[in-house]
Amino acid sequence: MYGLKIGEIDGEICLRLDKSDYSTYTSMFDMFHAWQEQAARLEQGEISKEEYNQWRYKYPELDTSKHWAKVPSQAVSE
């Protein structure tokens, strides 16, 4: 549901991206990957909590990972 599958790893609940819908999988993978990169930068002290929060609140506008691309609406392609 919503591009995610629920499961369990080592006794902990986890959510996994559902690869059966490739377009949803790739766009969600890109978003999660960008988020993980920023979280790692915060953890390593490369950015402050304030910078991290600003990135989160303004994603994808402030994303510099180049993983995210806006997809035109279907109305444009019809």
PDB file of N, CA and C in Angstrom:
ATOM      1  N   MET A   1       0.848  -1.167   0.000  1.00  0.00           N
ATOM      2  CA  MET A   1       0.000   0.000   0.000  1.00  0.00           C
ATOM      3  C   MET A   1       0.897   1.235   0.000  1.00  0.00           C
ATOM      4  N   TYR A   2       0.571   2.220  -0.802  1.00  0.00           N
ATOM      5  CA  TYR A   2       1.316   3.480  -0.891  1.00  0.00           C
ATOM      6  C   TYR A   2       2.782   3.272  -1.238  1.00  0.00           C
ATOM      7  N   GLY A   3       3.099   2.203  -1.950  1.00  0.00           N
ATOM      8  CA  GLY A   3       4.475   1.951  -2.347  1.00  0.00           C
ATOM      9  C   GLY A   3       5.332   1.325  -1.271  1.00  0.00           C
ATOM     10  N   LEU A   4       4.705   0.910  -0.159  1.00  0.00           N
ATOM     11  CA  LEU A   4       5.451   0.327   0.954  1.00  0.00           C
ATOM     12  C   LEU A   4       4.924  -1.056   1.297  1.00  0.00           C
ATOM     13  N   LYS A   5       5.819  -1.893   1.815  1.00  0.00           N
ATOM     14  CA  LYS A   5       5.440  -3.197   2.356  1.00  0.00           C
ATOM     15  C   LYS A   5       5.937  -3.243   3.787  1.00  0.00           C
ATOM     16  N   ILE A   6       5.129  -3.812   4.667  1.00  0.00           N
ATOM     17  CA  ILE A   6       5.529  -3.936   6.068  1.00  0.00           C
ATOM     18  C   ILE A   6       6.129  -5.319   6.279  1.00  0.00           C
ATOM     19  N   GLY A   7       7.111  -5.382   7.144  1.00  0.00           N
ATOM     20  CA  GLY A   7       7.757  -6.651   7.438  1.00  0.00           C
ATOM     21  C   GLY A   7       8.426  -6.602   8.796  1.00  0.00           C
ATOM     22  N   GLU A   8       9.284  -7.584   9.020  1.00  0.00           N
ATOM     23  CA  GLU A   8       9.998  -7.674  10.287  1.00  0.00           C
ATOM     24  C   GLU A   8      11.431  -8.110  10.005  1.00  0.00           C
ATOM     25  N   ILE A   9      12.383  -7.444  10.641  1.00  0.00           N
ATOM     26  CA  ILE A   9      13.795  -7.812  10.547  1.00  0.00           C
ATOM     27  C   ILE A   9      14.345  -7.852  11.963  1.00  0.00           C
ATOM     28  N   ASP A  10      14.917  -8.986  12.334  1.00  0.00           N
ATOM     29  CA  ASP A  10      15.489  -9.161  13.673  1.00  0.00           C
ATOM     30  C   ASP A  10      14.512  -8.756  14.775  1.00  0.00           C
ATOM     31  N   GLY A  11      13.241  -9.106  14.601  1.00  0.00           N
ATOM     32  CA  GLY A  11      12.235  -8.830  15.616  1.00  0.00           C
ATOM     33  C   GLY A  11      11.724  -7.403  15.636  1.00  0.00           C
ATOM     34  N   GLU A  12      12.167  -6.572  14.698  1.00  0.00           N
ATOM     35  CA  GLU A  12      11.705  -5.184  14.639  1.00  0.00           C
ATOM     36  C   GLU A  12      10.845  -4.970  13.403  1.00  0.00           C
ATOM     37  N   ILE A  13       9.777  -4.207  13.574  1.00  0.00           N
ATOM     38  CA  ILE A  13       8.903  -3.855  12.460  1.00  0.00           C
ATOM     39  C   ILE A  13       9.680  -2.958  11.501  1.00  0.00           C
ATOM     40  N   CYS A  14       9.530  -3.195  10.209  1.00  0.00           N
ATOM     41  CA  CYS A  14      10.195  -2.343   9.226  1.00  0.00           C
ATOM     42  C   CYS A  14       9.268  -2.109   8.038  1.00  0.00           C
ATOM     43  N   LEU A  15       9.492  -1.010   7.366  1.00  0.00           N
ATOM     44  CA  LEU A  15       8.803  -0.708   6.121  1.00  0.00           C
ATOM     45  C   LEU A  15       9.815  -0.824   5.000  1.00  0.00           C
ATOM     46  N   ARG A  16       9.404  -1.469   3.907  1.00  0.00           N
ATOM     47  CA  ARG A  16      10.272  -1.620   2.738  1.00  0.00           C
ATOM     48  C   ARG A  16       9.572  -1.012   1.540  1.00  0.00           C
ATOM     49  N   LEU A  17      10.364  -0.497   0.630  1.00  0.00           N
ATOM     50  CA  LEU A  17       9.796  -0.003  -0.617  1.00  0.00           C
ATOM     51  C   LEU A  17       9.339  -1.193  -1.445  1.00  0.00           C
ATOM     52  N   ASP A  18       8.172  -1.064  -2.055  1.00  0.00           N
ATOM     53  CA  ASP A  18       7.590  -2.131  -2.867  1.00  0.00           C
ATOM     54  C   ASP A  18       8.104  -2.007  -4.300  1.00  0.00           C
ATOM     55  N   LYS A  19       8.927  -2.965  -4.722  1.00  0.00           N
ATOM     56  CA  LYS A  19       9.527  -2.915  -6.058  1.00  0.00           C
ATOM     57  C   LYS A  19       8.558  -3.311  -7.170  1.00  0.00           C
ATOM     58  N   SER A  20       7.364  -3.779  -6.826  1.00  0.00           N
ATOM     59  CA  SER A  20       6.437  -4.236  -7.864  1.00  0.00           C
ATOM     60  C   SER A  20       5.895  -3.086  -8.710  1.00  0.00           C
ATOM     61  N   ASP A  21       5.902  -1.867  -8.186  1.00  0.00           N
ATOM     62  CA  ASP A  21       5.509  -0.685  -8.961  1.00  0.00           C
ATOM     63  C   ASP A  21       6.771   0.144  -9.163  1.00  0.00           C
ATOM     64  N   TYR A  22       7.448  -0.085 -10.285  1.00  0.00           N
ATOM     65  CA  TYR A  22       8.775   0.478 -10.501  1.00  0.00           C
ATOM     66  C   TYR A  22       8.813   1.997 -10.419  1.00  0.00           C
ATOM     67  N   SER A  23       7.842   2.688 -11.008  1.00  0.00           N
ATOM     68  CA  SER A  23       7.891   4.158 -11.002  1.00  0.00           C
ATOM     69  C   SER A  23       7.729   4.711  -9.590  1.00  0.00           C
ATOM     70  N   THR A  24       6.830   4.117  -8.801  1.00  0.00           N
ATOM     71  CA  THR A  24       6.674   4.545  -7.410  1.00  0.00           C
ATOM     72  C   THR A  24       7.929   4.200  -6.622  1.00  0.00           C
ATOM     73  N   TYR A  25       8.463   2.993  -6.857  1.00  0.00           N
ATOM     74  CA  TYR A  25       9.669   2.558  -6.153  1.00  0.00           C
ATOM     75  C   TYR A  25      10.823   3.528  -6.395  1.00  0.00           C
ATOM     76  N   THR A  26      11.083   3.881  -7.649  1.00  0.00           N
ATOM     77  CA  THR A  26      12.242   4.727  -7.937  1.00  0.00           C
ATOM     78  C   THR A  26      12.078   6.129  -7.376  1.00  0.00           C
ATOM     79  N   SER A  27      10.883   6.698  -7.469  1.00  0.00           N
ATOM     80  CA  SER A  27      10.710   8.055  -6.934  1.00  0.00           C
ATOM     81  C   SER A  27      10.812   8.050  -5.409  1.00  0.00           C
ATOM     82  N   MET A  28      10.246   7.036  -4.757  1.00  0.00           N
ATOM     83  CA  MET A  28      10.345   6.958  -3.298  1.00  0.00           C
ATOM     84  C   MET A  28      11.777   6.652  -2.871  1.00  0.00           C
ATOM     85  N   PHE A  29      12.471   5.801  -3.626  1.00  0.00           N
ATOM     86  CA  PHE A  29      13.863   5.503  -3.311  1.00  0.00           C
ATOM     87  C   PHE A  29      14.690   6.782  -3.349  1.00  0.00           C
ATOM     88  N   ASP A  30      14.492   7.593  -4.370  1.00  0.00           N
ATOM     89  CA  ASP A  30      15.239   8.846  -4.495  1.00  0.00           C
ATOM     90  C   ASP A  30      14.962   9.776  -3.320  1.00  0.00           C
ATOM     91  N   MET A  31      13.703   9.875  -2.915  1.00  0.00           N
ATOM     92  CA  MET A  31      13.360  10.739  -1.785  1.00  0.00           C
ATOM     93  C   MET A  31      13.983  10.221  -0.484  1.00  0.00           C
ATOM     94  N   PHE A  32      13.853   8.917  -0.229  1.00  0.00           N
ATOM     95  CA  PHE A  32      14.427   8.342   0.991  1.00  0.00           C
ATOM     96  C   PHE A  32      15.954   8.441   0.985  1.00  0.00           C
ATOM     97  N   HIS A  33      16.556   8.255  -0.172  1.00  0.00           N
ATOM     98  CA  HIS A  33      18.012   8.346  -0.268  1.00  0.00           C
ATOM     99  C   HIS A  33      18.483   9.765   0.055  1.00  0.00           C
ATOM    100  N   ALA A  34      17.791  10.764  -0.464  1.00  0.00           N
ATOM    101  CA  ALA A  34      18.137  12.160  -0.159  1.00  0.00           C
ATOM    102  C   ALA A  34      17.993  12.419   1.338  1.00  0.00           C
ATOM    103  N   TRP A  35      16.941  11.889   1.946  1.00  0.00           N
ATOM    104  CA  TRP A  35      16.705  12.061   3.385  1.00  0.00           C
ATOM    105  C   TRP A  35      17.828  11.395   4.183  1.00  0.00           C
ATOM    106  N   GLN A  36      18.193  10.174   3.785  1.00  0.00           N
ATOM    107  CA  GLN A  36      19.250   9.448   4.480  1.00  0.00           C
ATOM    108  C   GLN A  36      20.567  10.211   4.407  1.00  0.00           C
ATOM    109  N   GLU A  37      20.862  10.804   3.258  1.00  0.00           N
ATOM    110  CA  GLU A  37      22.101  11.578   3.113  1.00  0.00           C
ATOM    111  C   GLU A  37      22.133  12.752   4.086  1.00  0.00           C
ATOM    112  N   GLN A  38      21.026  13.460   4.204  1.00  0.00           N
ATOM    113  CA  GLN A  38      20.976  14.606   5.113  1.00  0.00           C
ATOM    114  C   GLN A  38      21.059  14.154   6.570  1.00  0.00           C
ATOM    115  N   ALA A  39      20.396  13.047   6.894  1.00  0.00           N
ATOM    116  CA  ALA A  39      20.460  12.517   8.263  1.00  0.00           C
ATOM    117  C   ALA A  39      21.893  12.119   8.608  1.00  0.00           C
ATOM    118  N   ALA A  40      22.613  11.527   7.658  1.00  0.00           N
ATOM    119  CA  ALA A  40      24.008  11.149   7.885  1.00  0.00           C
ATOM    120  C   ALA A  40      24.873  12.391   8.083  1.00  0.00           C
ATOM    121  N   ARG A  41      24.623  13.431   7.300  1.00  0.00           N
ATOM    122  CA  ARG A  41      25.381  14.681   7.460  1.00  0.00           C
ATOM    123  C   ARG A  41      25.151  15.271   8.848  1.00  0.00           C
ATOM    124  N   LEU A  42      23.911  15.210   9.331  1.00  0.00           N
ATOM    125  CA  LEU A  42      23.596  15.701  10.673  1.00  0.00           C
ATOM    126  C   LEU A  42      24.341  14.869  11.718  1.00  0.00           C
ATOM    127  N   GLU A  43      24.273  13.559  11.581  1.00  0.00           N
ATOM    128  CA  GLU A  43      24.920  12.651  12.529  1.00  0.00           C
ATOM    129  C   GLU A  43      26.434  12.863  12.586  1.00  0.00           C
ATOM    130  N   GLN A  44      27.036  13.196  11.448  1.00  0.00           N
ATOM    131  CA  GLN A  44      28.485  13.398  11.369  1.00  0.00           C
ATOM    132  C   GLN A  44      28.898  14.826  11.726  1.00  0.00           C
ATOM    133  N   GLY A  45      27.921  15.670  12.053  1.00  0.00           N
ATOM    134  CA  GLY A  45      28.229  17.036  12.448  1.00  0.00           C
ATOM    135  C   GLY A  45      28.521  17.977  11.295  1.00  0.00           C
ATOM    136  N   GLU A  46      28.210  17.557  10.064  1.00  0.00           N
ATOM    137  CA  GLU A  46      28.455  18.399   8.893  1.00  0.00           C
ATOM    138  C   GLU A  46      27.432  19.523   8.776  1.00  0.00           C
ATOM    139  N   ILE A  47      26.236  19.284   9.317  1.00  0.00           N
ATOM    140  CA  ILE A  47      25.189  20.306   9.330  1.00  0.00           C
ATOM    141  C   ILE A  47      24.579  20.349  10.725  1.00  0.00           C
ATOM    142  N   SER A  48      23.973  21.475  11.052  1.00  0.00           N
ATOM    143  CA  SER A  48      23.333  21.627  12.362  1.00  0.00           C
ATOM    144  C   SER A  48      21.915  21.063  12.315  1.00  0.00           C
ATOM    145  N   LYS A  49      21.325  20.871  13.488  1.00  0.00           N
ATOM    146  CA  LYS A  49      19.932  20.413  13.573  1.00  0.00           C
ATOM    147  C   LYS A  49      19.020  21.417  12.878  1.00  0.00           C
ATOM    148  N   GLU A  50      19.323  22.700  13.023  1.00  0.00           N
ATOM    149  CA  GLU A  50      18.523  23.742  12.370  1.00  0.00           C
ATOM    150  C   GLU A  50      18.606  23.618  10.841  1.00  0.00           C
ATOM    151  N   GLU A  51      19.808  23.376  10.308  1.00  0.00           N
ATOM    152  CA  GLU A  51      19.964  23.207   8.857  1.00  0.00           C
ATOM    153  C   GLU A  51      19.237  21.953   8.383  1.00  0.00           C
ATOM    154  N   TYR A  52      19.309  20.896   9.180  1.00  0.00           N
ATOM    155  CA  TYR A  52      18.615  19.655   8.840  1.00  0.00           C
ATOM    156  C   TYR A  52      17.106  19.883   8.803  1.00  0.00           C
ATOM    157  N   ASN A  53      16.585  20.546   9.828  1.00  0.00           N
ATOM    158  CA  ASN A  53      15.148  20.817   9.866  1.00  0.00           C
ATOM    159  C   ASN A  53      14.723  21.700   8.704  1.00  0.00           C
ATOM    160  N   GLN A  54      15.526  22.696   8.386  1.00  0.00           N
ATOM    161  CA  GLN A  54      15.196  23.573   7.256  1.00  0.00           C
ATOM    162  C   GLN A  54      15.126  22.749   5.974  1.00  0.00           C
ATOM    163  N   TRP A  55      16.082  21.832   5.802  1.00  0.00           N
ATOM    164  CA  TRP A  55      16.064  20.967   4.624  1.00  0.00           C
ATOM    165  C   TRP A  55      14.784  20.131   4.609  1.00  0.00           C
ATOM    166  N   ARG A  56      14.433  19.535   5.737  1.00  0.00           N
ATOM    167  CA  ARG A  56      13.228  18.689   5.800  1.00  0.00           C
ATOM    168  C   ARG A  56      11.972  19.467   5.453  1.00  0.00           C
ATOM    169  N   TYR A  57      11.854  20.663   6.025  1.00  0.00           N
ATOM    170  CA  TYR A  57      10.634  21.445   5.840  1.00  0.00           C
ATOM    171  C   TYR A  57      10.514  22.001   4.429  1.00  0.00           C
ATOM    172  N   LYS A  58      11.617  22.146   3.728  1.00  0.00           N
ATOM    173  CA  LYS A  58      11.577  22.743   2.391  1.00  0.00           C
ATOM    174  C   LYS A  58      11.957  21.743   1.301  1.00  0.00           C
ATOM    175  N   TYR A  59      11.926  20.455   1.619  1.00  0.00           N
ATOM    176  CA  TYR A  59      12.212  19.433   0.616  1.00  0.00           C
ATOM    177  C   TYR A  59      11.066  19.390  -0.385  1.00  0.00           C
ATOM    178  N   PRO A  60      11.295  19.287  -1.661  1.00  0.00           N
ATOM    179  CA  PRO A  60      12.567  19.083  -2.348  1.00  0.00           C
ATOM    180  C   PRO A  60      13.255  20.391  -2.778  1.00  0.00           C
ATOM    181  N   GLU A  61      12.675  21.525  -2.433  1.00  0.00           N
ATOM    182  CA  GLU A  61      13.230  22.812  -2.861  1.00  0.00           C
ATOM    183  C   GLU A  61      14.708  22.965  -2.501  1.00  0.00           C
ATOM    184  N   LEU A  62      15.104  22.585  -1.285  1.00  0.00           N
ATOM    185  CA  LEU A  62      16.482  22.763  -0.839  1.00  0.00           C
ATOM    186  C   LEU A  62      17.361  21.534  -1.071  1.00  0.00           C
ATOM    187  N   ASP A  63      16.832  20.516  -1.710  1.00  0.00           N
ATOM    188  CA  ASP A  63      17.598  19.293  -1.919  1.00  0.00           C
ATOM    189  C   ASP A  63      18.718  19.535  -2.926  1.00  0.00           C
ATOM    190  N   THR A  64      19.926  19.187  -2.549  1.00  0.00           N
ATOM    191  CA  THR A  64      21.077  19.347  -3.441  1.00  0.00           C
ATOM    192  C   THR A  64      21.627  18.007  -3.910  1.00  0.00           C
ATOM    193  N   SER A  65      20.961  16.913  -3.544  1.00  0.00           N
ATOM    194  CA  SER A  65      21.467  15.585  -3.890  1.00  0.00           C
ATOM    195  C   SER A  65      21.274  15.257  -5.363  1.00  0.00           C
ATOM    196  N   LYS A  66      20.408  15.964  -6.026  1.00  0.00           N
ATOM    197  CA  LYS A  66      20.084  15.730  -7.442  1.00  0.00           C
ATOM    198  C   LYS A  66      19.403  14.380  -7.653  1.00  0.00           C
ATOM    199  N   HIS A  67      18.868  13.795  -6.567  1.00  0.00           N
ATOM    200  CA  HIS A  67      18.148  12.526  -6.693  1.00  0.00           C
ATOM    201  C   HIS A  67      16.695  12.760  -7.077  1.00  0.00           C
ATOM    202  N   TRP A  68      16.181  13.900  -6.748  1.00  0.00           N
ATOM    203  CA  TRP A  68      14.768  14.173  -6.911  1.00  0.00           C
ATOM    204  C   TRP A  68      14.524  14.942  -8.197  1.00  0.00           C
ATOM    205  N   ALA A  69      13.528  14.544  -8.938  1.00  0.00           N
ATOM    206  CA  ALA A  69      13.130  15.284 -10.132  1.00  0.00           C
ATOM    207  C   ALA A  69      11.621  15.401 -10.111  1.00  0.00           C
ATOM    208  N   LYS A  70      11.119  16.583 -10.386  1.00  0.00           N
ATOM    209  CA  LYS A  70       9.674  16.762 -10.426  1.00  0.00           C
ATOM    210  C   LYS A  70       9.127  16.073 -11.668  1.00  0.00           C
ATOM    211  N   VAL A  71       8.026  15.401 -11.491  1.00  0.00           N
ATOM    212  CA  VAL A  71       7.392  14.693 -12.588  1.00  0.00           C
ATOM    213  C   VAL A  71       6.213  15.520 -13.055  1.00  0.00           C
ATOM    214  N   PRO A  72       6.116  15.780 -14.373  1.00  0.00           N
ATOM    215  CA  PRO A  72       4.974  16.553 -14.859  1.00  0.00           C
ATOM    216  C   PRO A  72       3.674  15.820 -14.579  1.00  0.00           C
ATOM    217  N   SER A  73       2.617  16.568 -14.336  1.00  0.00           N
ATOM    218  CA  SER A  73       1.329  15.933 -14.067  1.00  0.00           C
ATOM    219  C   SER A  73       0.839  15.230 -15.321  1.00  0.00           C
ATOM    220  N   GLN A  74      -0.045  14.265 -15.140  1.00  0.00           N
ATOM    221  CA  GLN A  74      -0.582  13.532 -16.281  1.00  0.00           C
ATOM    222  C   GLN A  74      -1.395  14.438 -17.181  1.00  0.00           C
ATOM    223  N   ALA A  75      -1.985  15.483 -16.625  1.00  0.00           N
ATOM    224  CA  ALA A  75      -2.782  16.407 -17.426  1.00  0.00           C
ATOM    225  C   ALA A  75      -1.936  17.025 -18.532  1.00  0.00           C
ATOM    226  N   VAL A  76      -0.660  17.227 -18.279  1.00  0.00           N
ATOM    227  CA  VAL A  76       0.235  17.812 -19.273  1.00  0.00           C
ATOM    228  C   VAL A  76       0.472  16.840 -20.412  1.00  0.00           C
ATOM    229  N   SER A  77       0.559  15.555 -20.111  1.00  0.00           N
ATOM    230  CA  SER A  77       0.876  14.572 -21.142  1.00  0.00           C
ATOM    231  C   SER A  77      -0.342  14.119 -21.940  1.00  0.00           C
ATOM    232  N   GLU A  78      -1.525  14.448 -21.487  1.00  0.00           N
ATOM    233  CA  GLU A  78      -2.727  13.988 -22.194  1.00  0.00           C
ATOM    234  C   GLU A  78      -3.163  14.938 -23.263  1.00  0.00           C
TER     235      GLU A  78
END
